[in-house]
N, C-alpha and C. Protein backbone atom coordinates (compact mmCIF):
# COMPACT_ATOMS: atom_id res chain seq x y z
N MET A 1 -18.49 9.23 7.42
CA MET A 1 -17.11 9.17 6.93
C MET A 1 -16.96 10.19 5.81
N SER A 2 -15.88 10.93 5.82
CA SER A 2 -15.68 11.96 4.80
C SER A 2 -15.38 11.31 3.44
N TYR A 3 -15.58 12.10 2.38
CA TYR A 3 -15.45 11.58 1.03
C TYR A 3 -14.04 11.04 0.77
N HIS A 4 -12.98 11.76 1.22
CA HIS A 4 -11.63 11.27 0.93
C HIS A 4 -11.34 9.97 1.65
N ASN A 5 -11.94 9.77 2.84
CA ASN A 5 -11.76 8.48 3.52
C ASN A 5 -12.48 7.36 2.77
N GLU A 6 -13.69 7.66 2.27
CA GLU A 6 -14.42 6.67 1.49
C GLU A 6 -13.65 6.32 0.22
N LEU A 7 -13.10 7.32 -0.44
CA LEU A 7 -12.31 7.09 -1.65
C LEU A 7 -11.10 6.23 -1.34
N GLY A 8 -10.45 6.51 -0.22
CA GLY A 8 -9.29 5.72 0.19
C GLY A 8 -9.65 4.26 0.44
N LYS A 9 -10.77 4.02 1.10
CA LYS A 9 -11.22 2.64 1.36
C LYS A 9 -11.56 1.93 0.05
N LYS A 10 -12.21 2.64 -0.87
CA LYS A 10 -12.50 2.05 -2.18
C LYS A 10 -11.21 1.69 -2.90
N GLY A 11 -10.24 2.60 -2.83
CA GLY A 11 -8.95 2.35 -3.46
C GLY A 11 -8.26 1.13 -2.88
N GLU A 12 -8.33 0.96 -1.57
CA GLU A 12 -7.71 -0.20 -0.93
C GLU A 12 -8.39 -1.50 -1.37
N LYS A 13 -9.70 -1.48 -1.55
CA LYS A 13 -10.41 -2.67 -2.04
C LYS A 13 -10.01 -2.98 -3.47
N ILE A 14 -9.91 -1.95 -4.30
CA ILE A 14 -9.49 -2.14 -5.69
C ILE A 14 -8.07 -2.71 -5.74
N ALA A 15 -7.19 -2.16 -4.90
CA ALA A 15 -5.79 -2.62 -4.87
C ALA A 15 -5.70 -4.06 -4.40
N ALA A 16 -6.46 -4.43 -3.37
CA ALA A 16 -6.44 -5.80 -2.87
C ALA A 16 -6.92 -6.77 -3.95
N ALA A 17 -7.99 -6.42 -4.64
CA ALA A 17 -8.51 -7.27 -5.72
C ALA A 17 -7.48 -7.40 -6.84
N TYR A 18 -6.81 -6.31 -7.17
CA TYR A 18 -5.76 -6.31 -8.19
C TYR A 18 -4.63 -7.26 -7.80
N LEU A 19 -4.20 -7.17 -6.54
CA LEU A 19 -3.10 -8.02 -6.07
C LEU A 19 -3.48 -9.50 -6.13
N VAL A 20 -4.68 -9.83 -5.65
CA VAL A 20 -5.13 -11.22 -5.67
C VAL A 20 -5.19 -11.73 -7.11
N LYS A 21 -5.72 -10.91 -8.01
CA LYS A 21 -5.81 -11.29 -9.43
C LYS A 21 -4.43 -11.55 -10.02
N ASN A 22 -3.40 -10.89 -9.46
CA ASN A 22 -2.04 -11.04 -9.97
C ASN A 22 -1.20 -12.00 -9.14
N GLY A 23 -1.85 -12.89 -8.39
CA GLY A 23 -1.14 -13.97 -7.72
C GLY A 23 -0.65 -13.72 -6.32
N TYR A 24 -1.03 -12.61 -5.72
CA TYR A 24 -0.62 -12.31 -4.35
C TYR A 24 -1.64 -12.86 -3.36
N THR A 25 -1.17 -13.17 -2.17
CA THR A 25 -2.02 -13.53 -1.04
C THR A 25 -2.03 -12.35 -0.09
N ILE A 26 -3.19 -11.94 0.33
CA ILE A 26 -3.30 -10.82 1.27
C ILE A 26 -3.10 -11.38 2.68
N LEU A 27 -2.09 -10.88 3.38
CA LEU A 27 -1.80 -11.32 4.74
C LEU A 27 -2.47 -10.43 5.79
N ALA A 28 -2.57 -9.14 5.49
CA ALA A 28 -3.17 -8.20 6.43
C ALA A 28 -3.62 -6.95 5.69
N LYS A 29 -4.63 -6.32 6.26
CA LYS A 29 -5.09 -5.01 5.77
C LYS A 29 -5.16 -4.09 6.97
N ASN A 30 -4.78 -2.87 6.77
CA ASN A 30 -4.88 -1.83 7.79
C ASN A 30 -4.22 -2.23 9.11
N PHE A 31 -2.95 -2.64 9.03
CA PHE A 31 -2.17 -2.96 10.22
C PHE A 31 -1.65 -1.65 10.81
N TYR A 32 -1.98 -1.40 12.07
CA TYR A 32 -1.59 -0.15 12.73
C TYR A 32 -0.46 -0.37 13.72
N PHE A 33 0.46 0.58 13.75
CA PHE A 33 1.49 0.63 14.77
C PHE A 33 1.80 2.10 15.03
N ASN A 34 1.56 2.53 16.26
CA ASN A 34 1.69 3.95 16.63
C ASN A 34 0.89 4.79 15.65
N LYS A 35 1.53 5.72 14.96
CA LYS A 35 0.82 6.60 14.03
C LYS A 35 0.85 6.09 12.60
N ALA A 36 1.36 4.90 12.39
CA ALA A 36 1.53 4.37 11.04
C ALA A 36 0.48 3.30 10.74
N GLU A 37 0.09 3.25 9.48
CA GLU A 37 -0.81 2.21 9.02
C GLU A 37 -0.24 1.58 7.75
N LEU A 38 -0.21 0.26 7.74
CA LEU A 38 0.14 -0.46 6.53
C LEU A 38 -1.18 -0.78 5.84
N ASP A 39 -1.40 -0.23 4.65
CA ASP A 39 -2.67 -0.44 3.96
C ASP A 39 -2.87 -1.93 3.66
N ILE A 40 -1.87 -2.54 3.02
CA ILE A 40 -1.96 -3.96 2.66
C ILE A 40 -0.60 -4.61 2.86
N VAL A 41 -0.61 -5.79 3.46
CA VAL A 41 0.58 -6.63 3.52
C VAL A 41 0.24 -7.88 2.72
N ALA A 42 1.06 -8.17 1.73
CA ALA A 42 0.77 -9.29 0.82
C ALA A 42 2.01 -10.13 0.60
N GLN A 43 1.79 -11.27 -0.03
CA GLN A 43 2.92 -12.15 -0.34
C GLN A 43 2.65 -12.86 -1.66
N LYS A 44 3.68 -12.91 -2.48
CA LYS A 44 3.60 -13.65 -3.74
C LYS A 44 4.65 -14.75 -3.76
N ASN A 45 5.85 -14.41 -3.32
CA ASN A 45 6.95 -15.37 -3.25
C ASN A 45 7.24 -15.68 -1.79
N LYS A 46 7.60 -16.91 -1.53
CA LYS A 46 7.72 -17.39 -0.15
C LYS A 46 8.62 -16.55 0.75
N GLY A 47 9.76 -16.10 0.28
CA GLY A 47 10.71 -15.42 1.15
C GLY A 47 10.55 -13.92 1.26
N THR A 48 9.50 -13.36 0.65
CA THR A 48 9.33 -11.90 0.64
C THR A 48 7.89 -11.53 0.94
N ILE A 49 7.72 -10.56 1.83
CA ILE A 49 6.40 -9.96 1.97
C ILE A 49 6.45 -8.58 1.32
N VAL A 50 5.29 -8.15 0.90
CA VAL A 50 5.18 -6.87 0.19
C VAL A 50 4.27 -5.95 0.99
N VAL A 51 4.81 -4.82 1.40
CA VAL A 51 4.03 -3.80 2.06
C VAL A 51 3.57 -2.83 0.97
N VAL A 52 2.25 -2.69 0.85
CA VAL A 52 1.69 -1.89 -0.24
C VAL A 52 1.03 -0.65 0.32
N GLU A 53 1.51 0.49 -0.11
CA GLU A 53 0.88 1.77 0.20
C GLU A 53 -0.04 2.10 -0.97
N VAL A 54 -1.31 2.33 -0.66
CA VAL A 54 -2.30 2.62 -1.70
C VAL A 54 -2.60 4.12 -1.68
N LYS A 55 -2.47 4.74 -2.83
CA LYS A 55 -2.79 6.16 -2.99
C LYS A 55 -3.88 6.29 -4.04
N THR A 56 -5.01 6.84 -3.64
CA THR A 56 -6.14 6.97 -4.54
C THR A 56 -6.52 8.44 -4.67
N ARG A 57 -6.71 8.87 -5.88
CA ARG A 57 -7.12 10.25 -6.17
C ARG A 57 -8.21 10.21 -7.24
N THR A 58 -8.98 11.29 -7.34
CA THR A 58 -10.00 11.37 -8.38
C THR A 58 -9.41 11.88 -9.69
N SER A 59 -8.25 12.52 -9.61
CA SER A 59 -7.57 12.97 -10.83
C SER A 59 -6.10 13.18 -10.52
N ASP A 60 -5.34 13.42 -11.58
CA ASP A 60 -3.92 13.72 -11.38
C ASP A 60 -3.64 15.21 -11.56
N PHE A 61 -4.67 16.03 -11.41
CA PHE A 61 -4.55 17.47 -11.60
C PHE A 61 -3.46 18.07 -10.71
N PHE A 62 -3.40 17.64 -9.46
CA PHE A 62 -2.41 18.17 -8.52
C PHE A 62 -1.14 17.32 -8.45
N GLY A 63 -1.05 16.28 -9.26
CA GLY A 63 0.11 15.41 -9.29
C GLY A 63 -0.33 13.96 -9.26
N ASN A 64 0.59 13.09 -9.59
CA ASN A 64 0.32 11.65 -9.58
C ASN A 64 0.16 11.16 -8.15
N PRO A 65 -0.74 10.21 -7.92
CA PRO A 65 -0.97 9.72 -6.56
C PRO A 65 0.31 9.25 -5.87
N GLN A 66 1.17 8.55 -6.60
CA GLN A 66 2.39 8.01 -6.00
C GLN A 66 3.34 9.09 -5.50
N ASP A 67 3.19 10.30 -6.02
CA ASP A 67 4.06 11.39 -5.60
C ASP A 67 3.73 11.92 -4.20
N PHE A 68 2.63 11.45 -3.63
CA PHE A 68 2.21 11.92 -2.32
C PHE A 68 2.70 11.03 -1.17
N VAL A 69 3.63 10.14 -1.45
CA VAL A 69 4.26 9.35 -0.38
C VAL A 69 5.52 10.09 0.01
N SER A 70 5.43 10.77 1.14
CA SER A 70 6.52 11.65 1.60
C SER A 70 7.60 10.87 2.34
N PRO A 71 8.78 11.47 2.50
CA PRO A 71 9.84 10.82 3.29
C PRO A 71 9.40 10.50 4.73
N SER A 72 8.60 11.37 5.33
CA SER A 72 8.13 11.08 6.70
C SER A 72 7.15 9.90 6.70
N LYS A 73 6.35 9.78 5.65
CA LYS A 73 5.44 8.64 5.51
C LYS A 73 6.24 7.35 5.34
N ILE A 74 7.30 7.42 4.55
CA ILE A 74 8.15 6.24 4.35
C ILE A 74 8.74 5.78 5.67
N LYS A 75 9.21 6.71 6.50
CA LYS A 75 9.76 6.33 7.82
C LYS A 75 8.72 5.61 8.66
N LEU A 76 7.49 6.13 8.65
CA LEU A 76 6.43 5.49 9.42
C LEU A 76 6.11 4.10 8.88
N LEU A 77 6.08 3.96 7.56
CA LEU A 77 5.81 2.65 6.96
C LEU A 77 6.89 1.64 7.33
N VAL A 78 8.14 2.07 7.32
CA VAL A 78 9.24 1.17 7.66
C VAL A 78 9.12 0.73 9.12
N LYS A 79 8.80 1.65 10.01
CA LYS A 79 8.64 1.29 11.43
C LYS A 79 7.49 0.29 11.61
N ALA A 80 6.38 0.56 10.95
CA ALA A 80 5.22 -0.34 11.07
C ALA A 80 5.52 -1.70 10.46
N ALA A 81 6.23 -1.73 9.34
CA ALA A 81 6.59 -3.00 8.72
C ALA A 81 7.50 -3.79 9.64
N ASN A 82 8.44 -3.12 10.27
CA ASN A 82 9.34 -3.78 11.21
C ASN A 82 8.53 -4.39 12.36
N GLU A 83 7.58 -3.66 12.88
CA GLU A 83 6.74 -4.17 13.96
C GLU A 83 5.91 -5.36 13.49
N TYR A 84 5.39 -5.30 12.28
CA TYR A 84 4.62 -6.42 11.74
C TYR A 84 5.49 -7.68 11.68
N ILE A 85 6.70 -7.54 11.17
CA ILE A 85 7.63 -8.67 11.04
C ILE A 85 7.93 -9.26 12.42
N ILE A 86 8.22 -8.39 13.38
CA ILE A 86 8.55 -8.85 14.74
C ILE A 86 7.33 -9.51 15.39
N SER A 87 6.16 -8.88 15.28
CA SER A 87 4.97 -9.41 15.95
C SER A 87 4.53 -10.75 15.38
N LYS A 88 4.83 -11.01 14.11
CA LYS A 88 4.47 -12.28 13.48
C LYS A 88 5.63 -13.28 13.49
N ASN A 89 6.77 -12.84 14.06
CA ASN A 89 7.96 -13.69 14.16
C ASN A 89 8.36 -14.26 12.79
N LEU A 90 8.45 -13.36 11.80
CA LEU A 90 8.76 -13.75 10.43
C LEU A 90 10.24 -13.57 10.12
N ASP A 91 10.75 -14.41 9.26
CA ASP A 91 12.12 -14.29 8.76
C ASP A 91 12.03 -14.17 7.24
N VAL A 92 11.74 -12.95 6.78
CA VAL A 92 11.50 -12.71 5.36
C VAL A 92 12.12 -11.37 4.94
N GLU A 93 12.28 -11.21 3.65
CA GLU A 93 12.64 -9.92 3.08
C GLU A 93 11.37 -9.09 2.97
N VAL A 94 11.54 -7.77 2.96
CA VAL A 94 10.39 -6.87 2.83
C VAL A 94 10.60 -5.99 1.61
N ARG A 95 9.55 -5.89 0.81
CA ARG A 95 9.55 -5.02 -0.35
C ARG A 95 8.44 -4.00 -0.17
N PHE A 96 8.71 -2.77 -0.55
CA PHE A 96 7.71 -1.70 -0.43
C PHE A 96 7.22 -1.31 -1.82
N ASP A 97 5.92 -1.46 -2.04
CA ASP A 97 5.29 -1.11 -3.30
C ASP A 97 4.29 0.02 -3.08
N ILE A 98 3.98 0.71 -4.15
CA ILE A 98 2.89 1.68 -4.16
C ILE A 98 1.91 1.27 -5.25
N ILE A 99 0.65 1.28 -4.93
CA ILE A 99 -0.38 1.14 -5.95
C ILE A 99 -1.10 2.48 -6.03
N ALA A 100 -0.99 3.11 -7.19
CA ALA A 100 -1.59 4.42 -7.44
C ALA A 100 -2.87 4.21 -8.25
N ILE A 101 -3.95 4.82 -7.77
CA ILE A 101 -5.25 4.64 -8.41
C ILE A 101 -5.86 6.00 -8.71
N ILE A 102 -6.32 6.16 -9.93
CA ILE A 102 -7.15 7.30 -10.31
C ILE A 102 -8.55 6.72 -10.49
N LYS A 103 -9.49 7.20 -9.69
CA LYS A 103 -10.86 6.67 -9.74
C LYS A 103 -11.85 7.82 -9.73
N ASN A 104 -12.62 7.88 -10.79
CA ASN A 104 -13.72 8.84 -10.85
C ASN A 104 -14.82 8.23 -11.70
N LYS A 105 -15.83 9.01 -12.02
CA LYS A 105 -16.96 8.47 -12.78
C LYS A 105 -16.58 8.01 -14.18
N ARG A 106 -15.53 8.60 -14.76
CA ARG A 106 -15.15 8.28 -16.13
C ARG A 106 -14.06 7.23 -16.25
N GLU A 107 -13.22 7.10 -15.23
CA GLU A 107 -12.09 6.18 -15.37
C GLU A 107 -11.70 5.53 -14.06
N GLU A 108 -11.02 4.39 -14.20
CA GLU A 108 -10.39 3.71 -13.08
C GLU A 108 -9.06 3.20 -13.60
N LYS A 109 -7.99 3.84 -13.16
CA LYS A 109 -6.64 3.52 -13.65
C LYS A 109 -5.79 3.06 -12.47
N ILE A 110 -5.12 1.92 -12.65
CA ILE A 110 -4.28 1.37 -11.58
C ILE A 110 -2.85 1.25 -12.09
N GLU A 111 -1.91 1.74 -11.30
CA GLU A 111 -0.48 1.55 -11.59
C GLU A 111 0.17 0.93 -10.36
N HIS A 112 0.96 -0.12 -10.60
CA HIS A 112 1.65 -0.82 -9.52
C HIS A 112 3.14 -0.55 -9.65
N PHE A 113 3.70 0.09 -8.63
CA PHE A 113 5.13 0.39 -8.61
C PHE A 113 5.81 -0.54 -7.61
N GLU A 114 6.49 -1.56 -8.15
CA GLU A 114 7.22 -2.49 -7.29
C GLU A 114 8.53 -1.84 -6.86
N ASN A 115 8.98 -2.17 -5.65
CA ASN A 115 10.20 -1.57 -5.09
C ASN A 115 10.15 -0.05 -5.22
N ALA A 116 9.04 0.53 -4.82
CA ALA A 116 8.83 1.97 -4.98
C ALA A 116 9.82 2.79 -4.17
N PHE A 117 10.24 2.25 -3.04
CA PHE A 117 11.27 2.91 -2.24
C PHE A 117 11.97 1.85 -1.40
N TYR A 118 13.12 2.20 -0.93
CA TYR A 118 13.92 1.27 -0.14
C TYR A 118 14.03 1.77 1.30
N HIS A 119 13.96 0.84 2.22
CA HIS A 119 14.16 1.20 3.62
C HIS A 119 15.65 1.26 3.90
N PHE A 120 16.03 2.11 4.80
CA PHE A 120 17.45 2.24 5.12
C PHE A 120 17.63 2.52 6.57
């Protein structure tokens, strides 16, 4: 597995642990639909599920991790979230969050952006 894939998997584990520590229940990890992947699907409040996109970088030299969620990525996430809702026969609101992680030998920084973007 390439280094960036390993870093991404580590970031997803860190994000999942962060969410659980903050009262969320993890419903799914790595849910795939066509070309889209939902990193984490979680729930804290009964009527809302949270789709979490995890972005992990070793530094912010080229920009903040959250800035790398493109409009085309958002479209894919919305499609996959819709499929998740339909496949599980859920009647809930959906919120899209980003967890941005900087992880290297010197630091581990986590930022959670709730309602990071809206589906339309």
